[in-house]
Amino acid sequence: MVEKLFYVLIALALLIISGCSNEGEATTVTIDSIDAEEVLKLDSDADIFQYEGVIYKTNIEWVEEMSLTKDVQIGEIKTKNDANTDFKDEMSNKLPVGAKIFSTKEREDILIVESEGDIKKYLAIVEG
């Protein structure tokens, strides 16, 4: 009797485990870029620029605390957008034209911008 009860409990456990499985179901996670208008709607005083379709923002506390190494220059700010709409690549709302954009050796989602002797760290702003 105990042996039959044991087998029944094992069979029930297997049914419950297999019934709660996600096998065969596809789960897709996407990360999309957020546009300048959305960033500025959340923080109207944000210091941002766009590079390769992605908005980058500075003055993020945990990013400022990171020790990062400037790598190669990948671009520069070519235009300034005072209206804060319809951003294009290499356009900023606060950085001056000519500010140099550098990649970092440590992270792909953080860029360093150098302008007039000032160095700022910018994080890619994405939504998931």
N, C-alpha and C. Protein backbone atom coordinates (compact mmCIF):
# COMPACT_ATOMS: atom_id res chain seq x y z
N MET A 1 0.81 -1.19 0.00
CA MET A 1 0.00 0.00 0.00
C MET A 1 0.86 1.26 0.00
N VAL A 2 1.86 1.29 0.84
CA VAL A 2 2.75 2.45 0.93
C VAL A 2 3.50 2.62 -0.39
N GLU A 3 3.89 1.50 -1.01
CA GLU A 3 4.62 1.57 -2.27
C GLU A 3 3.75 2.20 -3.37
N LYS A 4 2.46 1.84 -3.44
CA LYS A 4 1.56 2.42 -4.44
C LYS A 4 1.39 3.92 -4.20
N LEU A 5 1.24 4.32 -2.94
CA LEU A 5 1.10 5.72 -2.59
C LEU A 5 2.35 6.50 -3.01
N PHE A 6 3.49 5.90 -2.80
CA PHE A 6 4.77 6.51 -3.19
C PHE A 6 4.80 6.76 -4.70
N TYR A 7 4.42 5.78 -5.51
CA TYR A 7 4.42 5.92 -6.97
C TYR A 7 3.39 6.96 -7.43
N VAL A 8 2.25 7.00 -6.78
CA VAL A 8 1.23 7.99 -7.12
C VAL A 8 1.76 9.40 -6.85
N LEU A 9 2.42 9.59 -5.72
CA LEU A 9 2.96 10.91 -5.38
C LEU A 9 4.05 11.32 -6.37
N ILE A 10 4.89 10.40 -6.78
CA ILE A 10 5.94 10.70 -7.77
C ILE A 10 5.30 11.07 -9.11
N ALA A 11 4.27 10.33 -9.53
CA ALA A 11 3.59 10.62 -10.78
C ALA A 11 2.93 12.01 -10.73
N LEU A 12 2.31 12.35 -9.60
CA LEU A 12 1.70 13.67 -9.45
C LEU A 12 2.76 14.78 -9.50
N ALA A 13 3.87 14.55 -8.83
CA ALA A 13 4.95 15.54 -8.83
C ALA A 13 5.48 15.77 -10.25
N LEU A 14 5.64 14.70 -11.01
CA LEU A 14 6.12 14.82 -12.40
C LEU A 14 5.11 15.57 -13.26
N LEU A 15 3.83 15.32 -13.07
CA LEU A 15 2.80 16.03 -13.83
C LEU A 15 2.80 17.53 -13.50
N ILE A 16 2.94 17.85 -12.24
CA ILE A 16 2.95 19.25 -11.83
C ILE A 16 4.18 19.96 -12.39
N ILE A 17 5.32 19.32 -12.30
CA ILE A 17 6.56 19.92 -12.81
C ILE A 17 6.49 20.13 -14.31
N SER A 18 6.04 19.12 -15.05
CA SER A 18 5.98 19.26 -16.51
C SER A 18 4.86 20.21 -16.93
N GLY A 19 3.82 20.31 -16.16
CA GLY A 19 2.72 21.23 -16.47
C GLY A 19 3.11 22.68 -16.28
N CYS A 20 4.06 22.96 -15.42
CA CYS A 20 4.50 24.33 -15.15
C CYS A 20 5.73 24.70 -15.97
N SER A 21 6.13 23.87 -16.85
CA SER A 21 7.31 24.12 -17.66
C SER A 21 7.02 25.12 -18.77
N ASN A 22 8.03 25.93 -19.13
CA ASN A 22 7.91 26.88 -20.24
C ASN A 22 8.47 26.31 -21.53
N GLU A 23 8.81 25.04 -21.53
CA GLU A 23 9.41 24.43 -22.71
C GLU A 23 8.48 24.55 -23.89
N GLY A 24 9.04 24.94 -25.01
CA GLY A 24 8.25 25.08 -26.23
C GLY A 24 7.68 26.48 -26.41
N GLU A 25 7.66 27.28 -25.35
CA GLU A 25 7.17 28.64 -25.46
C GLU A 25 8.35 29.57 -25.70
N ALA A 26 8.23 30.42 -26.68
CA ALA A 26 9.29 31.38 -26.98
C ALA A 26 9.08 32.63 -26.15
N THR A 27 10.14 33.07 -25.49
CA THR A 27 10.11 34.31 -24.74
C THR A 27 11.07 35.27 -25.40
N THR A 28 10.58 36.43 -25.79
CA THR A 28 11.41 37.40 -26.47
C THR A 28 11.51 38.65 -25.62
N VAL A 29 12.74 39.10 -25.40
CA VAL A 29 12.99 40.34 -24.68
C VAL A 29 13.63 41.29 -25.66
N THR A 30 13.07 42.48 -25.79
CA THR A 30 13.64 43.46 -26.69
C THR A 30 13.99 44.72 -25.92
N ILE A 31 15.02 45.38 -26.38
CA ILE A 31 15.42 46.65 -25.80
C ILE A 31 15.35 47.68 -26.91
N ASP A 32 14.48 48.64 -26.76
CA ASP A 32 14.30 49.66 -27.76
C ASP A 32 14.88 50.98 -27.25
N SER A 33 15.28 51.80 -28.18
CA SER A 33 15.77 53.11 -27.82
C SER A 33 14.61 54.02 -27.48
N ILE A 34 14.86 54.93 -26.57
CA ILE A 34 13.89 55.94 -26.19
C ILE A 34 14.32 57.21 -26.93
N ASP A 35 13.38 58.03 -27.36
CA ASP A 35 13.78 59.22 -28.12
C ASP A 35 13.98 60.42 -27.19
N ALA A 36 14.57 61.48 -27.75
CA ALA A 36 14.92 62.67 -26.99
C ALA A 36 13.69 63.30 -26.35
N GLU A 37 12.59 63.33 -27.07
CA GLU A 37 11.38 63.94 -26.56
C GLU A 37 10.92 63.24 -25.27
N GLU A 38 10.99 61.90 -25.25
CA GLU A 38 10.59 61.15 -24.06
C GLU A 38 11.53 61.42 -22.88
N VAL A 39 12.84 61.46 -23.15
CA VAL A 39 13.82 61.74 -22.08
C VAL A 39 13.56 63.11 -21.50
N LEU A 40 13.36 64.10 -22.36
CA LEU A 40 13.17 65.47 -21.89
C LEU A 40 11.80 65.68 -21.24
N LYS A 41 10.84 64.82 -21.57
CA LYS A 41 9.54 64.88 -20.90
C LYS A 41 9.70 64.44 -19.44
N LEU A 42 10.58 63.46 -19.21
CA LEU A 42 10.83 62.97 -17.85
C LEU A 42 11.75 63.90 -17.07
N ASP A 43 12.68 64.56 -17.76
CA ASP A 43 13.65 65.46 -17.12
C ASP A 43 13.94 66.60 -18.09
N SER A 44 13.22 67.69 -17.93
CA SER A 44 13.32 68.81 -18.89
C SER A 44 14.70 69.46 -18.90
N ASP A 45 15.49 69.26 -17.85
CA ASP A 45 16.81 69.87 -17.77
C ASP A 45 17.93 68.89 -18.14
N ALA A 46 17.58 67.72 -18.68
CA ALA A 46 18.56 66.68 -19.01
C ALA A 46 19.57 67.18 -20.04
N ASP A 47 20.81 66.77 -19.86
CA ASP A 47 21.90 67.06 -20.81
C ASP A 47 22.07 65.81 -21.65
N ILE A 48 21.62 65.86 -22.91
CA ILE A 48 21.59 64.66 -23.76
C ILE A 48 22.20 64.93 -25.12
N PHE A 49 22.55 63.84 -25.81
CA PHE A 49 22.90 63.90 -27.23
C PHE A 49 22.51 62.58 -27.86
N GLN A 50 22.45 62.55 -29.19
CA GLN A 50 22.10 61.32 -29.90
C GLN A 50 23.30 60.86 -30.71
N TYR A 51 23.57 59.54 -30.63
CA TYR A 51 24.65 58.93 -31.41
C TYR A 51 24.17 57.57 -31.90
N GLU A 52 24.23 57.34 -33.19
CA GLU A 52 23.77 56.10 -33.82
C GLU A 52 22.36 55.71 -33.39
N GLY A 53 21.48 56.70 -33.36
CA GLY A 53 20.08 56.46 -33.05
C GLY A 53 19.75 56.27 -31.59
N VAL A 54 20.74 56.37 -30.70
CA VAL A 54 20.53 56.17 -29.27
C VAL A 54 20.76 57.50 -28.54
N ILE A 55 19.90 57.78 -27.56
CA ILE A 55 20.04 58.98 -26.74
C ILE A 55 20.96 58.64 -25.56
N TYR A 56 21.92 59.51 -25.31
CA TYR A 56 22.85 59.39 -24.19
C TYR A 56 22.63 60.55 -23.24
N LYS A 57 22.66 60.26 -21.93
CA LYS A 57 22.38 61.26 -20.90
C LYS A 57 23.49 61.26 -19.86
N THR A 58 23.84 62.46 -19.37
CA THR A 58 24.87 62.58 -18.34
C THR A 58 24.23 62.91 -16.99
N ASN A 59 25.09 63.08 -15.99
CA ASN A 59 24.69 63.41 -14.62
C ASN A 59 23.87 62.29 -13.98
N ILE A 60 24.29 61.05 -14.23
CA ILE A 60 23.68 59.89 -13.59
C ILE A 60 24.67 59.43 -12.53
N GLU A 61 24.24 59.48 -11.28
CA GLU A 61 25.13 59.32 -10.14
C GLU A 61 26.03 58.09 -10.21
N TRP A 62 25.46 56.91 -10.45
CA TRP A 62 26.28 55.69 -10.43
C TRP A 62 27.27 55.66 -11.59
N VAL A 63 26.94 56.32 -12.70
CA VAL A 63 27.86 56.39 -13.84
C VAL A 63 29.02 57.32 -13.50
N GLU A 64 28.71 58.44 -12.85
CA GLU A 64 29.75 59.40 -12.47
C GLU A 64 30.76 58.78 -11.51
N GLU A 65 30.32 57.84 -10.70
CA GLU A 65 31.20 57.20 -9.72
C GLU A 65 32.13 56.16 -10.36
N MET A 66 31.85 55.76 -11.59
CA MET A 66 32.65 54.73 -12.24
C MET A 66 33.99 55.29 -12.71
N SER A 67 34.99 54.44 -12.63
CA SER A 67 36.30 54.78 -13.18
C SER A 67 36.36 54.20 -14.59
N LEU A 68 36.35 55.09 -15.59
CA LEU A 68 36.32 54.66 -16.99
C LEU A 68 37.53 55.19 -17.74
N THR A 69 37.95 54.44 -18.74
CA THR A 69 39.09 54.82 -19.56
C THR A 69 38.61 55.23 -20.94
N LYS A 70 38.98 56.45 -21.33
CA LYS A 70 38.62 56.96 -22.66
C LYS A 70 39.35 56.12 -23.70
N ASP A 71 38.63 55.69 -24.72
CA ASP A 71 39.22 54.89 -25.80
C ASP A 71 39.33 55.76 -27.04
N VAL A 72 38.86 55.32 -28.17
CA VAL A 72 39.03 56.05 -29.43
C VAL A 72 37.89 57.04 -29.67
N GLN A 73 38.19 58.11 -30.40
CA GLN A 73 37.16 59.07 -30.77
C GLN A 73 36.27 58.44 -31.84
N ILE A 74 34.95 58.48 -31.60
CA ILE A 74 34.01 57.86 -32.53
C ILE A 74 33.12 58.88 -33.22
N GLY A 75 33.21 60.13 -32.80
CA GLY A 75 32.38 61.16 -33.41
C GLY A 75 32.56 62.49 -32.72
N GLU A 76 31.71 63.44 -33.11
CA GLU A 76 31.69 64.74 -32.45
C GLU A 76 30.33 65.37 -32.62
N ILE A 77 30.00 66.29 -31.74
CA ILE A 77 28.72 66.98 -31.82
C ILE A 77 28.78 67.93 -33.01
N LYS A 78 27.85 67.74 -33.95
CA LYS A 78 27.85 68.54 -35.18
C LYS A 78 26.79 69.62 -35.17
N THR A 79 25.69 69.40 -34.43
CA THR A 79 24.63 70.40 -34.37
C THR A 79 24.05 70.47 -32.97
N LYS A 80 23.44 71.60 -32.68
CA LYS A 80 22.80 71.80 -31.39
C LYS A 80 21.31 71.99 -31.61
N ASN A 81 20.51 71.36 -30.77
CA ASN A 81 19.06 71.42 -30.90
C ASN A 81 18.49 72.17 -29.70
N ASP A 82 18.10 73.39 -29.90
CA ASP A 82 17.54 74.19 -28.81
C ASP A 82 16.05 73.94 -28.62
N ALA A 83 15.39 73.38 -29.63
CA ALA A 83 13.95 73.13 -29.55
C ALA A 83 13.63 71.82 -28.84
N ASN A 84 14.65 70.94 -28.67
CA ASN A 84 14.51 69.65 -27.98
C ASN A 84 13.57 68.67 -28.66
N THR A 85 13.42 68.80 -29.98
CA THR A 85 12.61 67.84 -30.73
C THR A 85 13.37 67.44 -31.99
N ASP A 86 12.97 66.34 -32.57
CA ASP A 86 13.56 65.84 -33.81
C ASP A 86 15.08 65.77 -33.77
N PHE A 87 15.61 65.07 -32.76
CA PHE A 87 17.06 64.90 -32.65
C PHE A 87 17.58 64.03 -33.78
N LYS A 88 18.79 64.30 -34.20
CA LYS A 88 19.49 63.51 -35.20
C LYS A 88 20.83 63.09 -34.61
N ASP A 89 21.49 62.14 -35.25
CA ASP A 89 22.80 61.69 -34.76
C ASP A 89 23.78 62.85 -34.67
N GLU A 90 24.60 62.78 -33.63
CA GLU A 90 25.63 63.79 -33.32
C GLU A 90 25.01 65.16 -33.08
N MET A 91 23.82 65.17 -32.48
CA MET A 91 23.13 66.41 -32.10
C MET A 91 22.95 66.42 -30.59
N SER A 92 23.11 67.59 -29.98
CA SER A 92 23.01 67.75 -28.54
C SER A 92 22.08 68.90 -28.20
N ASN A 93 21.58 68.89 -26.96
CA ASN A 93 20.79 70.03 -26.52
C ASN A 93 21.62 71.00 -25.67
N LYS A 94 22.76 70.54 -25.12
CA LYS A 94 23.57 71.41 -24.27
C LYS A 94 25.05 71.45 -24.65
N LEU A 95 25.58 70.35 -25.17
CA LEU A 95 27.00 70.33 -25.55
C LEU A 95 27.24 71.26 -26.74
N PRO A 96 28.40 71.91 -26.77
CA PRO A 96 28.70 72.78 -27.91
C PRO A 96 29.09 71.97 -29.15
N VAL A 97 28.88 72.56 -30.31
CA VAL A 97 29.32 71.94 -31.56
C VAL A 97 30.84 71.77 -31.48
N GLY A 98 31.32 70.61 -31.90
CA GLY A 98 32.75 70.32 -31.87
C GLY A 98 33.18 69.46 -30.68
N ALA A 99 32.29 69.25 -29.70
CA ALA A 99 32.62 68.39 -28.57
C ALA A 99 32.92 66.98 -29.10
N LYS A 100 33.99 66.37 -28.62
CA LYS A 100 34.45 65.07 -29.12
C LYS A 100 33.82 63.93 -28.32
N ILE A 101 33.36 62.91 -29.05
CA ILE A 101 32.72 61.74 -28.44
C ILE A 101 33.69 60.56 -28.50
N PHE A 102 33.92 59.92 -27.35
CA PHE A 102 34.84 58.79 -27.25
C PHE A 102 34.12 57.55 -26.70
N SER A 103 34.54 56.40 -27.17
CA SER A 103 34.08 55.15 -26.57
C SER A 103 34.87 54.94 -25.27
N THR A 104 34.43 53.97 -24.46
CA THR A 104 35.17 53.62 -23.25
C THR A 104 35.65 52.18 -23.38
N LYS A 105 36.75 51.89 -22.72
CA LYS A 105 37.29 50.53 -22.78
C LYS A 105 36.46 49.55 -21.96
N GLU A 106 35.78 50.06 -20.93
CA GLU A 106 35.10 49.18 -20.00
C GLU A 106 33.66 48.84 -20.38
N ARG A 107 32.93 49.79 -20.95
CA ARG A 107 31.50 49.58 -21.20
C ARG A 107 31.11 50.11 -22.57
N GLU A 108 30.22 49.39 -23.26
CA GLU A 108 29.73 49.82 -24.57
C GLU A 108 28.58 50.81 -24.45
N ASP A 109 27.89 50.82 -23.31
CA ASP A 109 26.72 51.68 -23.15
C ASP A 109 27.04 53.03 -22.52
N ILE A 110 28.33 53.31 -22.30
CA ILE A 110 28.74 54.60 -21.75
C ILE A 110 29.76 55.23 -22.69
N LEU A 111 29.52 56.50 -23.02
CA LEU A 111 30.45 57.25 -23.86
C LEU A 111 30.99 58.43 -23.06
N ILE A 112 32.18 58.85 -23.41
CA ILE A 112 32.80 60.01 -22.77
C ILE A 112 32.83 61.14 -23.79
N VAL A 113 32.45 62.34 -23.34
CA VAL A 113 32.49 63.51 -24.21
C VAL A 113 33.44 64.53 -23.61
N GLU A 114 34.32 65.03 -24.46
CA GLU A 114 35.30 66.02 -24.02
C GLU A 114 35.03 67.33 -24.76
N SER A 115 34.90 68.40 -23.96
CA SER A 115 34.61 69.70 -24.55
C SER A 115 35.20 70.80 -23.67
N GLU A 116 36.02 71.65 -24.28
CA GLU A 116 36.61 72.79 -23.59
C GLU A 116 37.28 72.37 -22.28
N GLY A 117 37.99 71.26 -22.30
CA GLY A 117 38.69 70.75 -21.12
C GLY A 117 37.82 70.03 -20.12
N ASP A 118 36.53 69.98 -20.34
CA ASP A 118 35.60 69.32 -19.45
C ASP A 118 35.31 67.92 -19.99
N ILE A 119 35.26 66.93 -19.09
CA ILE A 119 34.97 65.55 -19.49
C ILE A 119 33.70 65.10 -18.79
N LYS A 120 32.74 64.57 -19.59
CA LYS A 120 31.47 64.08 -19.05
C LYS A 120 31.24 62.66 -19.51
N LYS A 121 30.56 61.88 -18.65
CA LYS A 121 30.20 60.50 -18.96
C LYS A 121 28.72 60.46 -19.30
N TYR A 122 28.39 59.79 -20.39
CA TYR A 122 27.00 59.70 -20.86
C TYR A 122 26.59 58.24 -20.97
N LEU A 123 25.43 57.93 -20.41
CA LEU A 123 24.87 56.57 -20.44
C LEU A 123 23.81 56.47 -21.53
N ALA A 124 23.83 55.37 -22.29
CA ALA A 124 22.79 55.11 -23.29
C ALA A 124 21.47 54.91 -22.56
N ILE A 125 20.44 55.63 -22.97
CA ILE A 125 19.13 55.53 -22.36
C ILE A 125 18.27 54.63 -23.24
N VAL A 126 17.93 53.46 -22.71
CA VAL A 126 17.13 52.49 -23.45
C VAL A 126 15.96 52.07 -22.57
N GLU A 127 14.93 51.57 -23.21
CA GLU A 127 13.80 51.01 -22.47
C GLU A 127 13.65 49.56 -22.85
N GLY A 128 13.23 48.75 -21.93
CA GLY A 128 13.14 47.33 -22.21
C GLY A 128 11.77 46.82 -22.12
